[in-house]
Amino acid sequence: MHKIHKQHKAEQDLIDIWLYSCQNWGVNQADYYLDQLDESFKIIAMNPEIGVKIDYIRNGYFKYQAKEHIIFYKYNDSSIQVIRVLGNDMDYIQHL
């Protein structure tokens, strides 16, 4: 299994997702949703090629659909670099 490393922007994305979820649906739902995203990170760590390759946006990047968000990442032989975790409706090309 690859080790997961979240870049600063990805960490901030997760904080923002939790805060938004907490304000709109409560602490329990916010915690549950982040747990679901963590499960997606584990899936990626076990099989990094599960994502869709998006070289046309950024060379070496992959995207993986996780609930209402898209996880953007790249990987090497031992680790996954999570670049961003963006909402489905966001202009992700602008944010990468």
PDB file of N, CA and C in Angstrom:
ATOM      1  N   MET A   1       0.855  -1.184   0.000  1.00  0.00           N
ATOM      2  CA  MET A   1       0.000   0.000   0.000  1.00  0.00           C
ATOM      3  C   MET A   1       0.894   1.238   0.000  1.00  0.00           C
ATOM      4  N   HIS A   2       0.531   2.206  -0.827  1.00  0.00           N
ATOM      5  CA  HIS A   2       1.261   3.464  -0.893  1.00  0.00           C
ATOM      6  C   HIS A   2       0.935   4.332   0.320  1.00  0.00           C
ATOM      7  N   LYS A   3       1.880   5.134   0.714  1.00  0.00           N
ATOM      8  CA  LYS A   3       1.665   6.086   1.806  1.00  0.00           C
ATOM      9  C   LYS A   3       1.007   7.345   1.222  1.00  0.00           C
ATOM     10  N   ILE A   4       0.042   7.888   1.950  1.00  0.00           N
ATOM     11  CA  ILE A   4      -0.675   9.089   1.514  1.00  0.00           C
ATOM     12  C   ILE A   4      -0.027  10.324   2.125  1.00  0.00           C
ATOM     13  N   HIS A   5       0.266  11.304   1.269  1.00  0.00           N
ATOM     14  CA  HIS A   5       0.745  12.616   1.712  1.00  0.00           C
ATOM     15  C   HIS A   5      -0.210  13.658   1.134  1.00  0.00           C
ATOM     16  N   LYS A   6      -0.784  14.466   1.999  1.00  0.00           N
ATOM     17  CA  LYS A   6      -1.689  15.522   1.541  1.00  0.00           C
ATOM     18  C   LYS A   6      -0.925  16.839   1.492  1.00  0.00           C
ATOM     19  N   GLN A   7      -0.958  17.476   0.330  1.00  0.00           N
ATOM     20  CA  GLN A   7      -0.336  18.784   0.233  1.00  0.00           C
ATOM     21  C   GLN A   7      -1.154  19.796   1.024  1.00  0.00           C
ATOM     22  N   HIS A   8      -0.531  20.935   1.316  1.00  0.00           N
ATOM     23  CA  HIS A   8      -1.176  21.958   2.147  1.00  0.00           C
ATOM     24  C   HIS A   8      -2.557  22.336   1.609  1.00  0.00           C
ATOM     25  N   LYS A   9      -2.668  22.544   0.303  1.00  0.00           N
ATOM     26  CA  LYS A   9      -3.962  22.941  -0.264  1.00  0.00           C
ATOM     27  C   LYS A   9      -5.007  21.841  -0.078  1.00  0.00           C
ATOM     28  N   ALA A  10      -4.600  20.599  -0.178  1.00  0.00           N
ATOM     29  CA  ALA A  10      -5.538  19.492   0.045  1.00  0.00           C
ATOM     30  C   ALA A  10      -5.993  19.462   1.504  1.00  0.00           C
ATOM     31  N   GLU A  11      -5.068  19.683   2.424  1.00  0.00           N
ATOM     32  CA  GLU A  11      -5.436  19.748   3.849  1.00  0.00           C
ATOM     33  C   GLU A  11      -6.430  20.877   4.086  1.00  0.00           C
ATOM     34  N   GLN A  12      -6.189  22.031   3.470  1.00  0.00           N
ATOM     35  CA  GLN A  12      -7.102  23.163   3.620  1.00  0.00           C
ATOM     36  C   GLN A  12      -8.458  22.849   2.995  1.00  0.00           C
ATOM     37  N   ASP A  13      -8.446  22.159   1.847  1.00  0.00           N
ATOM     38  CA  ASP A  13      -9.711  21.742   1.228  1.00  0.00           C
ATOM     39  C   ASP A  13     -10.526  20.894   2.197  1.00  0.00           C
ATOM     40  N   LEU A  14      -9.879  19.956   2.872  1.00  0.00           N
ATOM     41  CA  LEU A  14     -10.584  19.077   3.809  1.00  0.00           C
ATOM     42  C   LEU A  14     -11.141  19.851   5.000  1.00  0.00           C
ATOM     43  N   ILE A  15     -10.394  20.822   5.476  1.00  0.00           N
ATOM     44  CA  ILE A  15     -10.895  21.681   6.560  1.00  0.00           C
ATOM     45  C   ILE A  15     -12.119  22.450   6.084  1.00  0.00           C
ATOM     46  N   ASP A  16     -12.043  23.018   4.888  1.00  0.00           N
ATOM     47  CA  ASP A  16     -13.167  23.778   4.334  1.00  0.00           C
ATOM     48  C   ASP A  16     -14.392  22.888   4.120  1.00  0.00           C
ATOM     49  N   ILE A  17     -14.172  21.677   3.641  1.00  0.00           N
ATOM     50  CA  ILE A  17     -15.276  20.731   3.443  1.00  0.00           C
ATOM     51  C   ILE A  17     -15.936  20.421   4.783  1.00  0.00           C
ATOM     52  N   TRP A  18     -15.125  20.177   5.806  1.00  0.00           N
ATOM     53  CA  TRP A  18     -15.675  19.869   7.124  1.00  0.00           C
ATOM     54  C   TRP A  18     -16.474  21.054   7.665  1.00  0.00           C
ATOM     55  N   LEU A  19     -15.922  22.255   7.565  1.00  0.00           N
ATOM     56  CA  LEU A  19     -16.620  23.442   8.078  1.00  0.00           C
ATOM     57  C   LEU A  19     -17.946  23.658   7.354  1.00  0.00           C
ATOM     58  N   TYR A  20     -17.940  23.550   6.032  1.00  0.00           N
ATOM     59  CA  TYR A  20     -19.161  23.718   5.249  1.00  0.00           C
ATOM     60  C   TYR A  20     -20.198  22.662   5.644  1.00  0.00           C
ATOM     61  N   SER A  21     -19.750  21.414   5.730  1.00  0.00           N
ATOM     62  CA  SER A  21     -20.659  20.325   6.099  1.00  0.00           C
ATOM     63  C   SER A  21     -21.212  20.521   7.502  1.00  0.00           C
ATOM     64  N   CYS A  22     -20.373  20.953   8.408  1.00  0.00           N
ATOM     65  CA  CYS A  22     -20.786  21.182   9.790  1.00  0.00           C
ATOM     66  C   CYS A  22     -21.851  22.275   9.864  1.00  0.00           C
ATOM     67  N   GLN A  23     -21.636  23.360   9.141  1.00  0.00           N
ATOM     68  CA  GLN A  23     -22.585  24.475   9.151  1.00  0.00           C
ATOM     69  C   GLN A  23     -23.921  24.082   8.543  1.00  0.00           C
ATOM     70  N   ASN A  24     -23.892  23.221   7.529  1.00  0.00           N
ATOM     71  CA  ASN A  24     -25.111  22.878   6.806  1.00  0.00           C
ATOM     72  C   ASN A  24     -25.811  21.620   7.309  1.00  0.00           C
ATOM     73  N   TRP A  25     -25.051  20.658   7.839  1.00  0.00           N
ATOM     74  CA  TRP A  25     -25.651  19.378   8.218  1.00  0.00           C
ATOM     75  C   TRP A  25     -25.260  18.893   9.606  1.00  0.00           C
ATOM     76  N   GLY A  26     -24.404  19.637  10.301  1.00  0.00           N
ATOM     77  CA  GLY A  26     -24.047  19.259  11.665  1.00  0.00           C
ATOM     78  C   GLY A  26     -22.725  18.512  11.764  1.00  0.00           C
ATOM     79  N   VAL A  27     -22.227  18.450  12.990  1.00  0.00           N
ATOM     80  CA  VAL A  27     -20.911  17.865  13.269  1.00  0.00           C
ATOM     81  C   VAL A  27     -20.861  16.388  12.886  1.00  0.00           C
ATOM     82  N   ASN A  28     -21.892  15.630  13.255  1.00  0.00           N
ATOM     83  CA  ASN A  28     -21.875  14.190  12.966  1.00  0.00           C
ATOM     84  C   ASN A  28     -21.781  13.916  11.474  1.00  0.00           C
ATOM     85  N   GLN A  29     -22.553  14.649  10.685  1.00  0.00           N
ATOM     86  CA  GLN A  29     -22.520  14.444   9.235  1.00  0.00           C
ATOM     87  C   GLN A  29     -21.181  14.892   8.655  1.00  0.00           C
ATOM     88  N   ALA A  30     -20.630  15.987   9.170  1.00  0.00           N
ATOM     89  CA  ALA A  30     -19.321  16.464   8.703  1.00  0.00           C
ATOM     90  C   ALA A  30     -18.243  15.424   8.987  1.00  0.00           C
ATOM     91  N   ASP A  31     -18.265  14.868  10.188  1.00  0.00           N
ATOM     92  CA  ASP A  31     -17.299  13.816  10.538  1.00  0.00           C
ATOM     93  C   ASP A  31     -17.477  12.586   9.650  1.00  0.00           C
ATOM     94  N   TYR A  32     -18.719  12.194   9.440  1.00  0.00           N
ATOM     95  CA  TYR A  32     -19.009  11.028   8.606  1.00  0.00           C
ATOM     96  C   TYR A  32     -18.496  11.244   7.181  1.00  0.00           C
ATOM     97  N   TYR A  33     -18.736  12.431   6.637  1.00  0.00           N
ATOM     98  CA  TYR A  33     -18.324  12.712   5.260  1.00  0.00           C
ATOM     99  C   TYR A  33     -16.800  12.663   5.135  1.00  0.00           C
ATOM    100  N   LEU A  34     -16.086  13.235   6.084  1.00  0.00           N
ATOM    101  CA  LEU A  34     -14.625  13.169   6.037  1.00  0.00           C
ATOM    102  C   LEU A  34     -14.126  11.738   6.210  1.00  0.00           C
ATOM    103  N   ASP A  35     -14.816  10.944   7.006  1.00  0.00           N
ATOM    104  CA  ASP A  35     -14.470   9.521   7.104  1.00  0.00           C
ATOM    105  C   ASP A  35     -14.621   8.840   5.744  1.00  0.00           C
ATOM    106  N   GLN A  36     -15.667   9.207   5.009  1.00  0.00           N
ATOM    107  CA  GLN A  36     -15.868   8.639   3.676  1.00  0.00           C
ATOM    108  C   GLN A  36     -14.747   9.056   2.723  1.00  0.00           C
ATOM    109  N   LEU A  37     -14.314  10.301   2.823  1.00  0.00           N
ATOM    110  CA  LEU A  37     -13.187  10.745   1.999  1.00  0.00           C
ATOM    111  C   LEU A  37     -11.913   9.996   2.384  1.00  0.00           C
ATOM    112  N   ASP A  38     -11.716   9.759   3.675  1.00  0.00           N
ATOM    113  CA  ASP A  38     -10.557   8.976   4.125  1.00  0.00           C
ATOM    114  C   ASP A  38     -10.585   7.565   3.537  1.00  0.00           C
ATOM    115  N   GLU A  39     -11.759   6.978   3.446  1.00  0.00           N
ATOM    116  CA  GLU A  39     -11.879   5.654   2.815  1.00  0.00           C
ATOM    117  C   GLU A  39     -11.454   5.721   1.349  1.00  0.00           C
ATOM    118  N   SER A  40     -11.798   6.810   0.685  1.00  0.00           N
ATOM    119  CA  SER A  40     -11.375   6.986  -0.708  1.00  0.00           C
ATOM    120  C   SER A  40      -9.860   7.091  -0.812  1.00  0.00           C
ATOM    121  N   PHE A  41      -9.229   7.783   0.139  1.00  0.00           N
ATOM    122  CA  PHE A  41      -7.760   7.851   0.141  1.00  0.00           C
ATOM    123  C   PHE A  41      -7.155   6.454   0.280  1.00  0.00           C
ATOM    124  N   LYS A  42      -7.761   5.626   1.120  1.00  0.00           N
ATOM    125  CA  LYS A  42      -7.265   4.254   1.305  1.00  0.00           C
ATOM    126  C   LYS A  42      -7.407   3.435   0.024  1.00  0.00           C
ATOM    127  N   ILE A  43      -8.518   3.616  -0.670  1.00  0.00           N
ATOM    128  CA  ILE A  43      -8.726   2.917  -1.942  1.00  0.00           C
ATOM    129  C   ILE A  43      -7.647   3.318  -2.939  1.00  0.00           C
ATOM    130  N   ILE A  44      -7.376   4.613  -3.016  1.00  0.00           N
ATOM    131  CA  ILE A  44      -6.329   5.102  -3.917  1.00  0.00           C
ATOM    132  C   ILE A  44      -4.973   4.542  -3.504  1.00  0.00           C
ATOM    133  N   ALA A  45      -4.702   4.511  -2.203  1.00  0.00           N
ATOM    134  CA  ALA A  45      -3.413   4.012  -1.711  1.00  0.00           C
ATOM    135  C   ALA A  45      -3.201   2.543  -2.079  1.00  0.00           C
ATOM    136  N   MET A  46      -4.271   1.763  -2.096  1.00  0.00           N
ATOM    137  CA  MET A  46      -4.164   0.348  -2.440  1.00  0.00           C
ATOM    138  C   MET A  46      -4.034   0.126  -3.946  1.00  0.00           C
ATOM    139  N   ASN A  47      -4.591   1.050  -4.729  1.00  0.00           N
ATOM    140  CA  ASN A  47      -4.580   0.899  -6.182  1.00  0.00           C
ATOM    141  C   ASN A  47      -4.502   2.281  -6.836  1.00  0.00           C
ATOM    142  N   PRO A  48      -3.320   2.877  -6.915  1.00  0.00           N
ATOM    143  CA  PRO A  48      -3.176   4.244  -7.422  1.00  0.00           C
ATOM    144  C   PRO A  48      -3.688   4.454  -8.846  1.00  0.00           C
ATOM    145  N   GLU A  49      -3.719   3.397  -9.633  1.00  0.00           N
ATOM    146  CA  GLU A  49      -4.165   3.541 -11.018  1.00  0.00           C
ATOM    147  C   GLU A  49      -5.681   3.499 -11.154  1.00  0.00           C
ATOM    148  N   ILE A  50      -6.393   3.469 -10.036  1.00  0.00           N
ATOM    149  CA  ILE A  50      -7.852   3.439 -10.068  1.00  0.00           C
ATOM    150  C   ILE A  50      -8.426   4.747 -10.616  1.00  0.00           C
ATOM    151  N   GLY A  51      -7.698   5.834 -10.439  1.00  0.00           N
ATOM    152  CA  GLY A  51      -8.168   7.134 -10.900  1.00  0.00           C
ATOM    153  C   GLY A  51      -8.045   7.289 -12.407  1.00  0.00           C
ATOM    154  N   VAL A  52      -8.666   8.340 -12.907  1.00  0.00           N
ATOM    155  CA  VAL A  52      -8.610   8.672 -14.327  1.00  0.00           C
ATOM    156  C   VAL A  52      -7.401   9.573 -14.557  1.00  0.00           C
ATOM    157  N   LYS A  53      -6.572   9.183 -15.493  1.00  0.00           N
ATOM    158  CA  LYS A  53      -5.383   9.974 -15.819  1.00  0.00           C
ATOM    159  C   LYS A  53      -5.820  11.271 -16.498  1.00  0.00           C
ATOM    160  N   ILE A  54      -5.270  12.399 -16.054  1.00  0.00           N
ATOM    161  CA  ILE A  54      -5.662  13.696 -16.620  1.00  0.00           C
ATOM    162  C   ILE A  54      -4.431  14.479 -17.088  1.00  0.00           C
ATOM    163  N   ASP A  55      -3.593  13.818 -17.881  1.00  0.00           N
ATOM    164  CA  ASP A  55      -2.395  14.474 -18.413  1.00  0.00           C
ATOM    165  C   ASP A  55      -2.731  15.719 -19.231  1.00  0.00           C
ATOM    166  N   TYR A  56      -3.930  15.767 -19.804  1.00  0.00           N
ATOM    167  CA  TYR A  56      -4.333  16.930 -20.594  1.00  0.00           C
ATOM    168  C   TYR A  56      -4.523  18.175 -19.721  1.00  0.00           C
ATOM    169  N   ILE A  57      -4.631  17.980 -18.412  1.00  0.00           N
ATOM    170  CA  ILE A  57      -4.739  19.106 -17.478  1.00  0.00           C
ATOM    171  C   ILE A  57      -3.395  19.347 -16.803  1.00  0.00           C
ATOM    172  N   ARG A  58      -2.848  18.303 -16.200  1.00  0.00           N
ATOM    173  CA  ARG A  58      -1.527  18.351 -15.553  1.00  0.00           C
ATOM    174  C   ARG A  58      -0.861  16.996 -15.767  1.00  0.00           C
ATOM    175  N   ASN A  59       0.343  17.029 -16.272  1.00  0.00           N
ATOM    176  CA  ASN A  59       1.066  15.793 -16.544  1.00  0.00           C
ATOM    177  C   ASN A  59       1.289  14.990 -15.257  1.00  0.00           C
ATOM    178  N   GLY A  60       0.918  13.712 -15.305  1.00  0.00           N
ATOM    179  CA  GLY A  60       1.111  12.825 -14.165  1.00  0.00           C
ATOM    180  C   GLY A  60       0.000  12.856 -13.129  1.00  0.00           C
ATOM    181  N   TYR A  61      -1.024  13.685 -13.335  1.00  0.00           N
ATOM    182  CA  TYR A  61      -2.123  13.794 -12.374  1.00  0.00           C
ATOM    183  C   TYR A  61      -3.224  12.781 -12.689  1.00  0.00           C
ATOM    184  N   PHE A  62      -3.909  12.372 -11.607  1.00  0.00           N
ATOM    185  CA  PHE A  62      -5.083  11.517 -11.709  1.00  0.00           C
ATOM    186  C   PHE A  62      -6.214  12.183 -10.935  1.00  0.00           C
ATOM    187  N   LYS A  63      -7.451  11.798 -11.284  1.00  0.00           N
ATOM    188  CA  LYS A  63      -8.602  12.250 -10.497  1.00  0.00           C
ATOM    189  C   LYS A  63      -9.425  11.031 -10.116  1.00  0.00           C
ATOM    190  N   TYR A  64     -10.039  11.123  -8.942  1.00  0.00           N
ATOM    191  CA  TYR A  64     -10.856  10.035  -8.421  1.00  0.00           C
ATOM    192  C   TYR A  64     -12.114  10.635  -7.815  1.00  0.00           C
ATOM    193  N   GLN A  65     -13.267  10.171  -8.281  1.00  0.00           N
ATOM    194  CA  GLN A  65     -14.548  10.666  -7.780  1.00  0.00           C
ATOM    195  C   GLN A  65     -14.824  10.098  -6.400  1.00  0.00           C
ATOM    196  N   ALA A  66     -15.061  10.970  -5.436  1.00  0.00           N
ATOM    197  CA  ALA A  66     -15.342  10.567  -4.057  1.00  0.00           C
ATOM    198  C   ALA A  66     -16.552  11.352  -3.567  1.00  0.00           C
ATOM    199  N   LYS A  67     -17.699  10.709  -3.621  1.00  0.00           N
ATOM    200  CA  LYS A  67     -18.944  11.373  -3.222  1.00  0.00           C
ATOM    201  C   LYS A  67     -19.145  12.633  -4.072  1.00  0.00           C
ATOM    202  N   GLU A  68     -19.297  13.785  -3.426  1.00  0.00           N
ATOM    203  CA  GLU A  68     -19.533  15.048  -4.133  1.00  0.00           C
ATOM    204  C   GLU A  68     -18.243  15.809  -4.426  1.00  0.00           C
ATOM    205  N   HIS A  69     -17.119  15.128  -4.293  1.00  0.00           N
ATOM    206  CA  HIS A  69     -15.819  15.766  -4.498  1.00  0.00           C
ATOM    207  C   HIS A  69     -14.943  14.935  -5.423  1.00  0.00           C
ATOM    208  N   ILE A  70     -13.925  15.579  -5.950  1.00  0.00           N
ATOM    209  CA  ILE A  70     -12.943  14.905  -6.790  1.00  0.00           C
ATOM    210  C   ILE A  70     -11.588  15.049  -6.112  1.00  0.00           C
ATOM    211  N   ILE A  71     -10.924  13.922  -5.927  1.00  0.00           N
ATOM    212  CA  ILE A  71      -9.579  13.912  -5.352  1.00  0.00           C
ATOM    213  C   ILE A  71      -8.587  13.943  -6.507  1.00  0.00           C
ATOM    214  N   PHE A  72      -7.706  14.925  -6.489  1.00  0.00           N
ATOM    215  CA  PHE A  72      -6.654  15.042  -7.498  1.00  0.00           C
ATOM    216  C   PHE A  72      -5.342  14.620  -6.856  1.00  0.00           C
ATOM    217  N   TYR A  73      -4.608  13.766  -7.542  1.00  0.00           N
ATOM    218  CA  TYR A  73      -3.383  13.231  -6.952  1.00  0.00           C
ATOM    219  C   TYR A  73      -2.387  12.822  -8.029  1.00  0.00           C
ATOM    220  N   LYS A  74      -1.167  12.585  -7.597  1.00  0.00           N
ATOM    221  CA  LYS A  74      -0.145  11.951  -8.419  1.00  0.00           C
ATOM    222  C   LYS A  74       0.563  10.947  -7.523  1.00  0.00           C
ATOM    223  N   TYR A  75       1.314  10.042  -8.123  1.00  0.00           N
ATOM    224  CA  TYR A  75       1.956   9.020  -7.298  1.00  0.00           C
ATOM    225  C   TYR A  75       3.281   8.574  -7.897  1.00  0.00           C
ATOM    226  N   ASN A  76       4.072   7.954  -7.024  1.00  0.00           N
ATOM    227  CA  ASN A  76       5.304   7.297  -7.455  1.00  0.00           C
ATOM    228  C   ASN A  76       5.291   5.881  -6.881  1.00  0.00           C
ATOM    229  N   ASP A  77       6.428   5.234  -6.839  1.00  0.00           N
ATOM    230  CA  ASP A  77       6.476   3.834  -6.400  1.00  0.00           C
ATOM    231  C   ASP A  77       6.050   3.613  -4.954  1.00  0.00           C
ATOM    232  N   SER A  78       6.156   4.634  -4.117  1.00  0.00           N
ATOM    233  CA  SER A  78       5.884   4.415  -2.697  1.00  0.00           C
ATOM    234  C   SER A  78       4.836   5.338  -2.084  1.00  0.00           C
ATOM    235  N   SER A  79       4.482   6.423  -2.761  1.00  0.00           N
ATOM    236  CA  SER A  79       3.571   7.371  -2.109  1.00  0.00           C
ATOM    237  C   SER A  79       2.581   8.004  -3.081  1.00  0.00           C
ATOM    238  N   ILE A  80       1.494   8.469  -2.486  1.00  0.00           N
ATOM    239  CA  ILE A  80       0.456   9.224  -3.187  1.00  0.00           C
ATOM    240  C   ILE A  80       0.547  10.659  -2.694  1.00  0.00           C
ATOM    241  N   GLN A  81       0.611  11.600  -3.612  1.00  0.00           N
ATOM    242  CA  GLN A  81       0.572  13.020  -3.266  1.00  0.00           C
ATOM    243  C   GLN A  81      -0.827  13.538  -3.603  1.00  0.00           C
ATOM    244  N   VAL A  82      -1.636  13.804  -2.582  1.00  0.00           N
ATOM    245  CA  VAL A  82      -2.962  14.374  -2.810  1.00  0.00           C
ATOM    246  C   VAL A  82      -2.770  15.868  -3.019  1.00  0.00           C
ATOM    247  N   ILE A  83      -3.158  16.333  -4.191  1.00  0.00           N
ATOM    248  CA  ILE A  83      -2.950  17.724  -4.586  1.00  0.00           C
ATOM    249  C   ILE A  83      -4.101  18.606  -4.094  1.00  0.00           C
ATOM    250  N   ARG A  84      -5.326  18.201  -4.423  1.00  0.00           N
ATOM    251  CA  ARG A  84      -6.523  18.960  -4.036  1.00  0.00           C
ATOM    252  C   ARG A  84      -7.684  18.003  -3.839  1.00  0.00           C
ATOM    253  N   VAL A  85      -8.693  18.473  -3.110  1.00  0.00           N
ATOM    254  CA  VAL A  85      -9.974  17.781  -2.971  1.00  0.00           C
ATOM    255  C   VAL A  85     -11.021  18.853  -3.254  1.00  0.00           C
ATOM    256  N   LEU A  86     -11.582  18.817  -4.463  1.00  0.00           N
ATOM    257  CA  LEU A  86     -12.445  19.901  -4.928  1.00  0.00           C
ATOM    258  C   LEU A  86     -13.862  19.407  -5.180  1.00  0.00           C
ATOM    259  N   GLY A  87     -14.818  20.302  -4.973  1.00  0.00           N
ATOM    260  CA  GLY A  87     -16.219  19.986  -5.220  1.00  0.00           C
ATOM    261  C   GLY A  87     -16.476  19.729  -6.693  1.00  0.00           C
ATOM    262  N   ASN A  88     -17.461  18.880  -6.967  1.00  0.00           N
ATOM    263  CA  ASN A  88     -17.808  18.538  -8.349  1.00  0.00           C
ATOM    264  C   ASN A  88     -18.096  19.755  -9.210  1.00  0.00           C
ATOM    265  N   ASP A  89     -18.679  20.779  -8.615  1.00  0.00           N
ATOM    266  CA  ASP A  89     -19.105  21.942  -9.390  1.00  0.00           C
ATOM    267  C   ASP A  89     -18.025  23.018  -9.523  1.00  0.00           C
ATOM    268  N   MET A  90     -16.847  22.764  -8.987  1.00  0.00           N
ATOM    269  CA  MET A  90     -15.770  23.758  -9.055  1.00  0.00           C
ATOM    270  C   MET A  90     -15.049  23.664 -10.395  1.00  0.00           C
ATOM    271  N   ASP A  91     -14.518  24.782 -10.849  1.00  0.00           N
ATOM    272  CA  ASP A  91     -13.690  24.817 -12.051  1.00  0.00           C
ATOM    273  C   ASP A  91     -12.303  24.324 -11.657  1.00  0.00           C
ATOM    274  N   TYR A  92     -12.142  23.006 -11.677  1.00  0.00           N
ATOM    275  CA  TYR A  92     -10.910  22.444 -11.124  1.00  0.00           C
ATOM    276  C   TYR A  92      -9.674  22.785 -11.935  1.00  0.00           C
ATOM    277  N   ILE A  93      -9.817  23.029 -13.219  1.00  0.00           N
ATOM    278  CA  ILE A  93      -8.646  23.417 -14.020  1.00  0.00           C
ATOM    279  C   ILE A  93      -8.038  24.690 -13.450  1.00  0.00           C
ATOM    280  N   GLN A  94      -8.882  25.611 -13.043  1.00  0.00           N
ATOM    281  CA  GLN A  94      -8.418  26.874 -12.463  1.00  0.00           C
ATOM    282  C   GLN A  94      -7.736  26.661 -11.111  1.00  0.00           C
ATOM    283  N   HIS A  95      -8.139  25.640 -10.366  1.00  0.00           N
ATOM    284  CA  HIS A  95      -7.641  25.435  -9.002  1.00  0.00           C
ATOM    285  C   HIS A  95      -6.452  24.486  -8.895  1.00  0.00           C
ATOM    286  N   LEU A  96      -6.050  23.890 -10.002  1.00  0.00           N
ATOM    287  CA  LEU A  96      -4.918  22.952  -9.940  1.00  0.00           C
ATOM    288  C   LEU A  96      -3.601  23.624 -10.246  1.00  0.00           C
TER     289      LEU A  96
END
